[in-house]
N, C-alpha and C. Protein backbone atom coordinates (compact mmCIF):
# COMPACT_ATOMS: atom_id res chain seq x y z
N MET A 1 0.83 -1.15 0.00
CA MET A 1 0.00 0.00 0.00
C MET A 1 0.89 1.23 0.00
N ASN A 2 0.53 2.15 -0.82
CA ASN A 2 1.30 3.37 -0.98
C ASN A 2 0.83 4.37 0.06
N PRO A 3 1.72 4.84 0.94
CA PRO A 3 1.33 5.78 1.98
C PRO A 3 0.80 7.07 1.39
N ASN A 4 1.22 7.45 0.23
CA ASN A 4 0.73 8.69 -0.38
C ASN A 4 -0.75 8.60 -0.78
N ASN A 5 -1.15 7.40 -1.22
CA ASN A 5 -2.55 7.22 -1.61
C ASN A 5 -3.47 7.31 -0.40
N SER A 6 -3.06 6.72 0.70
CA SER A 6 -3.92 6.74 1.88
C SER A 6 -4.04 8.16 2.43
N ILE A 7 -3.05 8.96 2.28
CA ILE A 7 -3.11 10.34 2.76
C ILE A 7 -3.97 11.17 1.82
N LYS A 8 -3.84 10.95 0.56
CA LYS A 8 -4.60 11.75 -0.42
C LYS A 8 -6.10 11.46 -0.32
N ARG A 9 -6.43 10.22 -0.12
CA ARG A 9 -7.84 9.86 -0.09
C ARG A 9 -8.57 10.54 1.08
N PRO A 10 -8.13 10.43 2.32
CA PRO A 10 -8.83 11.11 3.40
C PRO A 10 -8.84 12.63 3.21
N PHE A 11 -7.78 13.17 2.66
CA PHE A 11 -7.73 14.60 2.43
C PHE A 11 -8.78 15.00 1.39
N ALA A 12 -8.94 14.17 0.36
CA ALA A 12 -9.94 14.45 -0.66
C ALA A 12 -11.34 14.38 -0.06
N LEU A 13 -11.57 13.39 0.81
CA LEU A 13 -12.87 13.29 1.46
C LEU A 13 -13.11 14.47 2.39
N LEU A 14 -12.06 14.85 3.10
CA LEU A 14 -12.16 15.99 4.00
C LEU A 14 -12.45 17.26 3.20
N ALA A 15 -11.78 17.45 2.11
CA ALA A 15 -11.97 18.64 1.29
C ALA A 15 -13.38 18.69 0.72
N SER A 16 -13.91 17.56 0.26
CA SER A 16 -15.28 17.57 -0.28
C SER A 16 -16.29 17.79 0.83
N GLY A 17 -16.03 17.27 2.05
CA GLY A 17 -16.93 17.48 3.18
C GLY A 17 -16.96 18.94 3.59
N VAL A 18 -15.80 19.61 3.60
CA VAL A 18 -15.74 21.03 3.94
C VAL A 18 -16.47 21.83 2.88
N LEU A 19 -16.28 21.48 1.63
CA LEU A 19 -16.95 22.17 0.55
C LEU A 19 -18.46 22.01 0.69
N LEU A 20 -18.90 20.82 1.03
CA LEU A 20 -20.32 20.57 1.22
C LEU A 20 -20.86 21.39 2.39
N LEU A 21 -20.11 21.48 3.48
CA LEU A 21 -20.53 22.27 4.63
C LEU A 21 -20.58 23.76 4.30
N LEU A 22 -19.72 24.21 3.45
CA LEU A 22 -19.74 25.62 3.05
C LEU A 22 -20.97 25.94 2.19
N VAL A 23 -21.39 25.02 1.37
CA VAL A 23 -22.53 25.23 0.48
C VAL A 23 -23.84 25.15 1.24
N ILE A 24 -24.01 24.19 2.11
CA ILE A 24 -25.26 23.98 2.83
C ILE A 24 -25.64 25.18 3.70
N PRO A 25 -24.74 25.70 4.54
CA PRO A 25 -25.14 26.84 5.37
C PRO A 25 -25.54 28.06 4.54
N ASN A 26 -24.88 28.30 3.42
CA ASN A 26 -25.23 29.46 2.60
C ASN A 26 -26.62 29.34 2.01
N SER A 27 -26.98 28.17 1.52
CA SER A 27 -28.31 28.03 0.95
C SER A 27 -29.36 28.05 2.05
N ALA A 28 -29.04 27.55 3.22
CA ALA A 28 -29.98 27.60 4.33
C ALA A 28 -30.18 29.04 4.77
N ALA A 29 -29.11 29.83 4.77
CA ALA A 29 -29.23 31.23 5.17
C ALA A 29 -30.07 31.99 4.16
N ALA A 30 -29.95 31.66 2.88
CA ALA A 30 -30.74 32.34 1.87
C ALA A 30 -32.22 32.02 2.06
N GLN A 31 -32.54 30.78 2.41
CA GLN A 31 -33.93 30.40 2.64
C GLN A 31 -34.47 31.06 3.90
N ALA A 32 -33.65 31.21 4.92
CA ALA A 32 -34.10 31.77 6.19
C ALA A 32 -34.30 33.27 6.10
N ALA A 33 -33.78 33.91 5.07
CA ALA A 33 -33.88 35.36 4.94
C ALA A 33 -35.30 35.81 4.58
N CYS A 34 -36.13 34.94 4.05
CA CYS A 34 -37.49 35.29 3.66
C CYS A 34 -38.50 34.63 4.60
N PRO A 35 -39.59 35.28 4.91
CA PRO A 35 -40.61 34.69 5.77
C PRO A 35 -41.33 33.55 5.06
N PRO A 36 -42.08 32.75 5.80
CA PRO A 36 -42.81 31.64 5.19
C PRO A 36 -43.76 32.14 4.11
N GLY A 37 -43.84 31.38 3.04
CA GLY A 37 -44.70 31.74 1.92
C GLY A 37 -44.06 32.70 0.94
N MET A 38 -42.81 33.06 1.21
CA MET A 38 -42.08 33.98 0.34
C MET A 38 -40.84 33.28 -0.18
N ILE A 39 -40.35 33.72 -1.33
CA ILE A 39 -39.11 33.19 -1.88
C ILE A 39 -38.18 34.35 -2.18
N PRO A 40 -36.85 34.07 -2.13
CA PRO A 40 -35.90 35.16 -2.38
C PRO A 40 -35.84 35.52 -3.87
N TYR A 41 -35.70 36.80 -4.13
CA TYR A 41 -35.45 37.30 -5.47
C TYR A 41 -34.12 38.03 -5.42
N GLY A 42 -33.28 37.79 -6.35
CA GLY A 42 -31.98 38.44 -6.40
C GLY A 42 -31.08 37.70 -7.35
N THR A 43 -29.82 38.12 -7.39
CA THR A 43 -28.87 37.49 -8.29
C THR A 43 -27.89 36.66 -7.49
N GLY A 44 -27.64 35.46 -7.91
CA GLY A 44 -26.68 34.59 -7.24
C GLY A 44 -27.07 34.34 -5.80
N THR A 45 -26.12 34.58 -4.90
CA THR A 45 -26.38 34.37 -3.47
C THR A 45 -26.82 35.67 -2.80
N ASP A 46 -26.87 36.79 -3.54
CA ASP A 46 -27.29 38.07 -2.98
C ASP A 46 -28.82 38.13 -2.99
N VAL A 47 -29.44 37.95 -1.84
CA VAL A 47 -30.90 38.01 -1.74
C VAL A 47 -31.25 39.45 -1.42
N SER A 48 -31.76 40.17 -2.42
CA SER A 48 -32.06 41.58 -2.21
C SER A 48 -33.52 41.82 -1.83
N SER A 49 -34.40 40.87 -2.12
CA SER A 49 -35.80 41.03 -1.75
C SER A 49 -36.50 39.69 -1.75
N CYS A 50 -37.70 39.68 -1.17
CA CYS A 50 -38.51 38.47 -1.13
C CYS A 50 -39.83 38.74 -1.82
N GLY A 51 -40.43 37.69 -2.35
CA GLY A 51 -41.73 37.81 -3.00
C GLY A 51 -42.55 36.58 -2.73
N PRO A 52 -43.86 36.62 -3.06
CA PRO A 52 -44.72 35.46 -2.80
C PRO A 52 -44.29 34.26 -3.63
N ASP A 53 -44.40 33.08 -3.02
CA ASP A 53 -44.01 31.87 -3.74
C ASP A 53 -45.15 31.31 -4.57
N GLY A 54 -46.35 31.87 -4.46
CA GLY A 54 -47.47 31.47 -5.28
C GLY A 54 -48.25 30.29 -4.74
N SER A 55 -47.76 29.62 -3.72
CA SER A 55 -48.45 28.43 -3.23
C SER A 55 -49.67 28.77 -2.37
N GLN A 56 -49.74 29.98 -1.82
CA GLN A 56 -50.85 30.32 -0.94
C GLN A 56 -52.04 30.91 -1.69
N ASN A 57 -51.83 31.44 -2.88
CA ASN A 57 -52.90 32.10 -3.61
C ASN A 57 -53.30 31.32 -4.85
N GLN A 58 -53.24 30.03 -4.81
CA GLN A 58 -53.59 29.25 -5.98
C GLN A 58 -55.07 29.42 -6.28
N GLY A 59 -55.35 29.77 -7.54
CA GLY A 59 -56.73 29.91 -7.97
C GLY A 59 -57.31 31.29 -7.71
N THR A 60 -56.65 32.14 -6.95
CA THR A 60 -57.15 33.49 -6.73
C THR A 60 -56.01 34.46 -6.92
N ASN A 61 -56.36 35.67 -7.22
CA ASN A 61 -55.38 36.73 -7.36
C ASN A 61 -55.76 37.80 -6.34
N ALA A 62 -54.97 37.95 -5.31
CA ALA A 62 -55.29 38.85 -4.21
C ALA A 62 -55.41 40.30 -4.68
N SER A 63 -54.69 40.69 -5.72
CA SER A 63 -54.73 42.07 -6.17
C SER A 63 -56.02 42.38 -6.94
N THR A 64 -56.78 41.37 -7.32
CA THR A 64 -58.02 41.62 -8.05
C THR A 64 -59.23 41.16 -7.25
N SER A 65 -59.16 41.21 -5.93
CA SER A 65 -60.31 40.80 -5.13
C SER A 65 -61.47 41.75 -5.39
N ILE A 66 -62.67 41.24 -5.35
CA ILE A 66 -63.85 42.01 -5.69
C ILE A 66 -64.45 42.61 -4.43
N ALA A 67 -64.67 43.91 -4.47
CA ALA A 67 -65.27 44.61 -3.34
C ALA A 67 -66.76 44.27 -3.30
N PRO A 68 -67.36 44.32 -2.13
CA PRO A 68 -68.80 44.05 -2.05
C PRO A 68 -69.58 45.09 -2.85
N ALA A 69 -70.70 44.69 -3.39
CA ALA A 69 -71.54 45.59 -4.17
C ALA A 69 -72.04 46.73 -3.28
N PRO A 70 -72.13 47.93 -3.85
CA PRO A 70 -72.62 49.05 -3.04
C PRO A 70 -74.10 48.89 -2.72
N ILE A 71 -74.49 49.46 -1.59
CA ILE A 71 -75.90 49.47 -1.19
C ILE A 71 -76.35 50.93 -1.14
N TRP A 72 -77.49 51.19 -1.77
CA TRP A 72 -78.02 52.55 -1.86
C TRP A 72 -79.37 52.63 -1.15
N GLN A 73 -79.63 53.77 -0.53
CA GLN A 73 -80.94 54.02 0.07
C GLN A 73 -81.61 55.16 -0.70
N SER A 74 -82.88 54.96 -0.99
CA SER A 74 -83.65 55.98 -1.72
C SER A 74 -83.79 57.25 -0.89
N ARG A 75 -83.88 58.36 -1.58
CA ARG A 75 -84.16 59.65 -0.94
C ARG A 75 -85.30 60.30 -1.71
N TRP A 76 -86.21 60.90 -0.96
CA TRP A 76 -87.43 61.47 -1.51
C TRP A 76 -87.42 62.99 -1.42
N GLY A 77 -88.09 63.60 -2.37
CA GLY A 77 -88.35 65.03 -2.37
C GLY A 77 -89.80 65.25 -2.73
N ALA A 78 -90.32 66.44 -2.47
CA ALA A 78 -91.71 66.76 -2.83
C ALA A 78 -91.84 68.26 -3.04
N ILE A 79 -92.85 68.61 -3.83
CA ILE A 79 -93.18 70.01 -4.09
C ILE A 79 -94.67 70.18 -3.84
N ALA A 80 -95.01 71.18 -3.03
CA ALA A 80 -96.41 71.53 -2.75
C ALA A 80 -96.60 73.02 -3.06
N THR A 81 -97.79 73.39 -3.51
CA THR A 81 -98.05 74.79 -3.86
C THR A 81 -99.38 75.27 -3.30
N TYR A 82 -99.45 76.59 -3.17
CA TYR A 82 -100.74 77.28 -2.97
C TYR A 82 -100.78 78.28 -4.11
N ALA A 83 -101.44 77.89 -5.21
CA ALA A 83 -101.42 78.62 -6.47
C ALA A 83 -101.95 80.05 -6.40
N PRO A 84 -103.04 80.34 -5.64
CA PRO A 84 -103.58 81.71 -5.66
C PRO A 84 -102.55 82.79 -5.30
N THR A 85 -101.62 82.48 -4.42
CA THR A 85 -100.62 83.50 -4.05
C THR A 85 -99.21 83.10 -4.47
N GLY A 86 -99.06 81.98 -5.17
CA GLY A 86 -97.76 81.55 -5.67
C GLY A 86 -96.80 81.03 -4.61
N VAL A 87 -97.33 80.46 -3.55
CA VAL A 87 -96.48 79.92 -2.48
C VAL A 87 -95.98 78.54 -2.90
N LEU A 88 -94.71 78.31 -2.65
CA LEU A 88 -94.07 77.03 -3.01
C LEU A 88 -93.43 76.43 -1.77
N GLY A 89 -93.79 75.20 -1.46
CA GLY A 89 -93.17 74.47 -0.36
C GLY A 89 -92.41 73.28 -0.93
N VAL A 90 -91.22 73.03 -0.40
CA VAL A 90 -90.37 71.96 -0.96
C VAL A 90 -89.72 71.14 0.15
N SER A 91 -89.30 69.95 -0.21
CA SER A 91 -88.49 69.10 0.67
C SER A 91 -87.58 68.25 -0.22
N THR A 92 -86.43 67.90 0.33
CA THR A 92 -85.48 67.05 -0.40
C THR A 92 -84.75 66.12 0.57
N TYR A 93 -84.24 65.04 0.02
CA TYR A 93 -83.37 64.08 0.70
C TYR A 93 -83.96 63.49 1.99
N LEU A 94 -85.24 63.14 1.94
CA LEU A 94 -85.87 62.50 3.09
C LEU A 94 -86.00 61.00 2.82
N PRO A 95 -85.99 60.18 3.87
CA PRO A 95 -85.94 58.73 3.66
C PRO A 95 -87.24 58.09 3.18
N THR A 96 -88.41 58.75 3.38
CA THR A 96 -89.67 58.15 2.94
C THR A 96 -90.52 59.16 2.17
N ARG A 97 -91.43 58.61 1.39
CA ARG A 97 -92.36 59.44 0.60
C ARG A 97 -93.24 60.27 1.55
N ASP A 98 -93.79 59.64 2.57
CA ASP A 98 -94.67 60.35 3.51
C ASP A 98 -93.95 61.51 4.19
N GLN A 99 -92.72 61.30 4.59
CA GLN A 99 -91.96 62.39 5.23
C GLN A 99 -91.73 63.54 4.25
N ALA A 100 -91.43 63.21 3.00
CA ALA A 100 -91.20 64.26 2.00
C ALA A 100 -92.47 65.06 1.76
N ILE A 101 -93.60 64.39 1.63
CA ILE A 101 -94.88 65.08 1.39
C ILE A 101 -95.24 65.96 2.59
N GLN A 102 -95.17 65.41 3.78
CA GLN A 102 -95.51 66.18 4.98
C GLN A 102 -94.61 67.41 5.12
N SER A 103 -93.33 67.23 4.83
CA SER A 103 -92.37 68.33 4.95
C SER A 103 -92.64 69.44 3.92
N ALA A 104 -92.95 69.05 2.67
CA ALA A 104 -93.22 70.05 1.63
C ALA A 104 -94.51 70.82 1.94
N ILE A 105 -95.55 70.12 2.40
CA ILE A 105 -96.81 70.80 2.76
C ILE A 105 -96.59 71.71 3.96
N ALA A 106 -95.84 71.26 4.95
CA ALA A 106 -95.54 72.10 6.12
C ALA A 106 -94.75 73.35 5.70
N ASP A 107 -93.81 73.19 4.77
CA ASP A 107 -93.02 74.32 4.28
C ASP A 107 -93.92 75.32 3.55
N CYS A 108 -94.84 74.81 2.74
CA CYS A 108 -95.78 75.67 2.01
C CYS A 108 -96.67 76.45 2.99
N LYS A 109 -97.19 75.76 3.98
CA LYS A 109 -98.05 76.43 4.97
C LYS A 109 -97.28 77.45 5.79
N ALA A 110 -96.02 77.14 6.12
CA ALA A 110 -95.18 78.07 6.88
C ALA A 110 -94.90 79.35 6.09
N LYS A 111 -94.99 79.27 4.77
CA LYS A 111 -94.77 80.44 3.91
C LYS A 111 -96.07 81.18 3.60
N GLY A 112 -97.18 80.75 4.19
CA GLY A 112 -98.44 81.48 4.04
C GLY A 112 -99.50 80.79 3.20
N GLY A 113 -99.30 79.59 2.79
CA GLY A 113 -100.32 78.88 2.01
C GLY A 113 -101.29 78.17 2.93
N PRO A 114 -102.56 78.61 2.98
CA PRO A 114 -103.52 78.00 3.91
C PRO A 114 -103.93 76.58 3.51
N THR A 115 -104.05 76.31 2.25
CA THR A 115 -104.44 74.97 1.77
C THR A 115 -103.50 74.57 0.63
N CYS A 116 -102.41 74.02 0.99
CA CYS A 116 -101.38 73.67 0.01
C CYS A 116 -101.70 72.34 -0.66
N LYS A 117 -101.36 72.26 -1.94
CA LYS A 117 -101.64 71.07 -2.75
C LYS A 117 -100.31 70.42 -3.14
N LEU A 118 -100.26 69.10 -2.99
CA LEU A 118 -99.07 68.36 -3.42
C LEU A 118 -99.02 68.35 -4.94
N GLU A 119 -97.89 68.78 -5.50
CA GLU A 119 -97.70 68.76 -6.95
C GLU A 119 -96.99 67.48 -7.39
N VAL A 120 -95.93 67.12 -6.66
CA VAL A 120 -95.18 65.92 -7.03
C VAL A 120 -94.38 65.43 -5.83
N ALA A 121 -94.28 64.13 -5.72
CA ALA A 121 -93.34 63.48 -4.79
C ALA A 121 -92.45 62.62 -5.68
N TYR A 122 -91.16 62.72 -5.49
CA TYR A 122 -90.22 62.02 -6.37
C TYR A 122 -89.10 61.39 -5.56
N ASP A 123 -88.63 60.25 -6.02
CA ASP A 123 -87.51 59.60 -5.33
C ASP A 123 -86.40 59.29 -6.32
N ASN A 124 -85.18 59.50 -5.87
CA ASN A 124 -83.99 59.18 -6.64
C ASN A 124 -83.96 59.88 -7.99
N GLU A 125 -84.50 61.08 -8.04
CA GLU A 125 -84.49 61.85 -9.27
C GLU A 125 -84.58 63.34 -8.96
N CYS A 126 -84.88 64.12 -9.98
CA CYS A 126 -84.91 65.57 -9.84
C CYS A 126 -86.27 66.11 -10.27
N ALA A 127 -86.57 67.33 -9.84
CA ALA A 127 -87.83 67.97 -10.20
C ALA A 127 -87.58 69.45 -10.46
N ALA A 128 -88.46 70.03 -11.27
CA ALA A 128 -88.35 71.45 -11.59
C ALA A 128 -89.74 72.06 -11.68
N VAL A 129 -89.85 73.32 -11.25
CA VAL A 129 -91.06 74.11 -11.42
C VAL A 129 -90.70 75.16 -12.46
N VAL A 130 -91.44 75.15 -13.57
CA VAL A 130 -91.22 76.11 -14.64
C VAL A 130 -92.43 77.02 -14.73
N VAL A 131 -92.19 78.32 -14.76
CA VAL A 131 -93.25 79.33 -14.76
C VAL A 131 -93.22 80.08 -16.08
N GLY A 132 -94.40 80.37 -16.61
CA GLY A 132 -94.55 81.18 -17.81
C GLY A 132 -95.69 82.16 -17.63
N SER A 133 -96.02 82.89 -18.69
CA SER A 133 -97.05 83.93 -18.62
C SER A 133 -98.45 83.37 -18.36
N THR A 134 -98.68 82.11 -18.65
CA THR A 134 -100.02 81.54 -18.46
C THR A 134 -100.12 80.62 -17.25
N GLY A 135 -99.05 80.40 -16.52
CA GLY A 135 -99.12 79.51 -15.35
C GLY A 135 -97.79 78.82 -15.09
N TYR A 136 -97.87 77.67 -14.48
CA TYR A 136 -96.66 76.92 -14.13
C TYR A 136 -96.91 75.44 -14.37
N ASN A 137 -95.82 74.68 -14.39
CA ASN A 137 -95.91 73.22 -14.45
C ASN A 137 -94.77 72.64 -13.65
N VAL A 138 -94.94 71.40 -13.24
CA VAL A 138 -93.92 70.69 -12.46
C VAL A 138 -93.52 69.44 -13.24
N ALA A 139 -92.22 69.20 -13.36
CA ALA A 139 -91.73 68.03 -14.09
C ALA A 139 -90.68 67.32 -13.25
N ALA A 140 -90.62 66.00 -13.41
CA ALA A 140 -89.60 65.19 -12.73
C ALA A 140 -88.88 64.34 -13.78
N ASP A 141 -87.60 64.05 -13.51
CA ASP A 141 -86.78 63.29 -14.45
C ASP A 141 -85.56 62.76 -13.69
N PRO A 142 -84.92 61.70 -14.19
CA PRO A 142 -83.72 61.19 -13.52
C PRO A 142 -82.57 62.21 -13.43
N THR A 143 -82.56 63.21 -14.33
CA THR A 143 -81.51 64.23 -14.27
C THR A 143 -82.12 65.61 -14.08
N LEU A 144 -81.36 66.52 -13.53
CA LEU A 144 -81.84 67.89 -13.34
C LEU A 144 -82.10 68.55 -14.69
N GLY A 145 -81.18 68.37 -15.62
CA GLY A 145 -81.36 68.93 -16.96
C GLY A 145 -82.61 68.38 -17.64
N GLY A 146 -82.87 67.11 -17.45
CA GLY A 146 -84.07 66.50 -18.04
C GLY A 146 -85.35 67.06 -17.47
N ALA A 147 -85.38 67.29 -16.15
CA ALA A 147 -86.57 67.86 -15.51
C ALA A 147 -86.80 69.28 -16.00
N ILE A 148 -85.75 70.07 -16.08
CA ILE A 148 -85.88 71.45 -16.56
C ILE A 148 -86.32 71.47 -18.02
N ASP A 149 -85.67 70.66 -18.85
CA ASP A 149 -86.03 70.61 -20.28
C ASP A 149 -87.48 70.21 -20.48
N SER A 150 -87.93 69.21 -19.73
CA SER A 150 -89.32 68.75 -19.84
C SER A 150 -90.29 69.86 -19.42
N GLY A 151 -90.00 70.55 -18.32
CA GLY A 151 -90.85 71.66 -17.87
C GLY A 151 -90.86 72.81 -18.86
N MET A 152 -89.72 73.13 -19.44
CA MET A 152 -89.64 74.22 -20.43
C MET A 152 -90.42 73.85 -21.70
N GLU A 153 -90.32 72.61 -22.13
CA GLU A 153 -91.05 72.16 -23.31
C GLU A 153 -92.56 72.26 -23.08
N THR A 154 -93.02 71.84 -21.91
CA THR A 154 -94.45 71.93 -21.58
C THR A 154 -94.91 73.39 -21.57
N CYS A 155 -94.11 74.26 -21.00
CA CYS A 155 -94.43 75.68 -20.93
C CYS A 155 -94.51 76.29 -22.33
N ARG A 156 -93.52 76.06 -23.15
CA ARG A 156 -93.48 76.63 -24.51
C ARG A 156 -94.60 76.07 -25.39
N SER A 157 -94.84 74.76 -25.26
CA SER A 157 -95.87 74.15 -26.11
C SER A 157 -97.28 74.63 -25.74
N SER A 158 -97.44 75.20 -24.53
CA SER A 158 -98.74 75.75 -24.14
C SER A 158 -98.95 77.15 -24.69
N GLY A 159 -97.95 77.71 -25.33
CA GLY A 159 -98.05 79.05 -25.90
C GLY A 159 -97.67 80.14 -24.92
N ALA A 160 -97.18 79.78 -23.75
CA ALA A 160 -96.80 80.78 -22.75
C ALA A 160 -95.54 81.50 -23.18
N GLU A 161 -95.41 82.71 -22.69
CA GLU A 161 -94.20 83.50 -22.95
C GLU A 161 -93.42 83.64 -21.64
N GLY A 162 -92.14 83.94 -21.78
CA GLY A 162 -91.30 84.17 -20.60
C GLY A 162 -91.08 82.93 -19.75
N CYS A 163 -91.07 81.77 -20.36
CA CYS A 163 -90.87 80.52 -19.60
C CYS A 163 -89.49 80.52 -18.94
N HIS A 164 -89.47 80.20 -17.66
CA HIS A 164 -88.19 80.12 -16.93
C HIS A 164 -88.32 79.16 -15.75
N THR A 165 -87.19 78.66 -15.32
CA THR A 165 -87.15 77.75 -14.18
C THR A 165 -87.27 78.56 -12.90
N TYR A 166 -88.30 78.28 -12.11
CA TYR A 166 -88.52 78.97 -10.85
C TYR A 166 -87.83 78.23 -9.70
N TYR A 167 -87.85 76.90 -9.76
CA TYR A 167 -87.25 76.08 -8.72
C TYR A 167 -86.82 74.76 -9.34
N SER A 168 -85.69 74.23 -8.87
CA SER A 168 -85.26 72.88 -9.28
C SER A 168 -84.39 72.29 -8.18
N ALA A 169 -84.49 70.98 -8.01
CA ALA A 169 -83.70 70.27 -7.00
C ALA A 169 -83.71 68.77 -7.32
N CYS A 170 -82.78 68.08 -6.67
CA CYS A 170 -82.70 66.62 -6.81
C CYS A 170 -82.73 65.97 -5.44
N SER A 171 -83.24 64.76 -5.40
CA SER A 171 -83.16 63.90 -4.21
C SER A 171 -82.62 62.56 -4.70
N LEU A 172 -81.33 62.45 -4.71
CA LEU A 172 -80.66 61.28 -5.26
C LEU A 172 -80.38 60.25 -4.18
N PRO A 173 -80.27 58.98 -4.57
CA PRO A 173 -79.99 57.95 -3.56
C PRO A 173 -78.67 58.20 -2.85
N VAL A 174 -78.57 57.71 -1.62
CA VAL A 174 -77.38 57.87 -0.80
C VAL A 174 -76.72 56.49 -0.63
N ARG A 175 -75.44 56.44 -0.88
CA ARG A 175 -74.71 55.18 -0.71
C ARG A 175 -74.44 54.94 0.77
N VAL A 176 -74.88 53.77 1.25
CA VAL A 176 -74.65 53.43 2.65
C VAL A 176 -73.59 52.36 2.83
N ARG A 177 -73.16 51.71 1.74
CA ARG A 177 -72.02 50.79 1.77
C ARG A 177 -71.39 50.75 0.42
């Protein structure tokens, strides 16, 4: 047996064992640098950042989660008049039709109308009072412009002169979620 061979062999085993020990701790340290569910991103052994490993979000994409649908509550408005003296009572943004009507009639009476008449109760839309030389009309529409346009068209088509918007308002739904 050659004494040189026996020395070289254990040295070779020792050298490969040391090399193996040097590699294992480095890769373990790289894995330990990121929290669970994350993997290292970087070049070579330089771990500069961590990112998701994708195993926890299979089948879903967290960045595109869907928010719950909004919930809306209706809001009511009303217009009441006492035509002989031109008194106008109004209400907006009330939760029920009855409250809107009562409030508009109370407003009309508070302004001097002894027997006020309900002209319109509307929810989630707009209303306008248009006045011309021969009288007035009340119109409601989903948009303020639509209510005004409708009232102006009615006024003009009646042959009245000086048609103009006397009052307009909206009672639109309120988002509660």
